[in-house]
Protein backbone atom coordinates (compact mmCIF):
# COMPACT_ATOMS: atom_id res chain seq x y z
CA MET A 1 72.29 -0.05 124.99
CA ASN A 2 68.81 -1.61 125.66
CA VAL A 3 66.12 0.17 127.67
CA GLU A 4 63.17 -1.72 129.22
CA LEU A 5 60.10 0.39 128.83
CA SER A 6 56.46 -0.73 129.73
CA LYS A 7 53.33 -0.39 127.44
CA GLU A 8 52.31 2.77 129.39
CA ASP A 9 55.73 4.27 129.01
CA LEU A 10 55.59 3.65 125.20
CA GLU A 11 51.92 5.12 124.96
CA LEU A 12 53.12 8.21 126.93
CA MET A 13 56.06 8.79 124.63
CA ASP A 14 53.96 8.25 121.66
CA MET A 15 51.56 11.00 122.94
CA LEU A 16 54.27 13.45 123.86
CA LEU A 17 56.03 12.87 120.45
CA ALA A 18 52.75 13.66 118.46
CA LYS A 19 52.34 16.82 120.56
CA GLU A 20 55.94 17.99 119.81
CA GLU A 21 55.40 17.02 116.15
CA VAL A 22 52.31 19.31 115.93
CA GLN A 23 54.13 22.20 118.01
CA THR A 24 57.08 22.03 115.60
CA ARG A 25 54.89 22.12 112.55
CA VAL A 26 53.27 25.37 113.84
CA GLU A 27 56.69 26.78 114.72
CA ILE A 28 57.94 26.05 111.19
CA HIS A 29 54.84 27.84 109.79
CA HIS A 30 55.42 30.97 111.88
CA CYS A 31 59.26 30.85 111.34
CA LYS A 32 60.83 33.79 109.27
CA HIS A 33 64.35 32.93 109.41
CA HIS A 34 65.49 30.23 106.81
CA GLU A 35 68.43 28.62 109.03
CA TYR A 36 66.03 28.18 112.17
CA LYS A 37 63.30 26.79 109.68
CA ASP A 38 65.81 24.26 108.23
CA PHE A 39 66.63 23.25 111.80
CA LEU A 40 62.98 22.81 112.77
CA LYS A 41 62.39 20.65 109.65
CA LYS A 42 65.14 18.32 110.61
CA ARG A 43 63.72 18.16 114.16
CA GLU A 44 60.37 17.47 112.82
CA LYS A 45 61.81 14.39 110.92
CA HIS A 46 63.74 13.28 113.78
CA VAL A 47 60.50 13.47 116.08
CA GLY A 48 58.67 11.50 113.41
CA ASP A 49 61.40 8.94 113.25
CA LEU A 50 61.43 8.50 117.04
CA GLN A 51 57.69 8.28 117.11
CA ALA A 52 57.76 5.53 114.35
CA SER A 53 60.27 3.56 116.61
CA VAL A 54 57.86 3.96 119.33
CA LYS A 55 55.01 2.92 117.50
CA ASN A 56 56.85 -0.27 116.35
CA ALA A 57 57.84 -0.87 120.05
CA LEU A 58 54.22 -0.67 121.01
CA ALA A 59 53.17 -3.15 118.09
CA ALA A 60 55.56 -5.70 119.66
CA VAL A 61 54.14 -5.31 123.11
CA LYS A 62 50.63 -5.65 122.25
């Protein structure tokens, strides 16, 4: 499946993913439950991977 996104769409996604990454790190820091902390770490990696994909797409657009 291919999705067409504008440069502005990609920039917004990059900004939102950056905010989510920061929020997830804070949540990890304050988390006391091991299982949930593991879930958050996986989510942080997934968000980072998505952000890398968005940055690559942005580089191709510019």
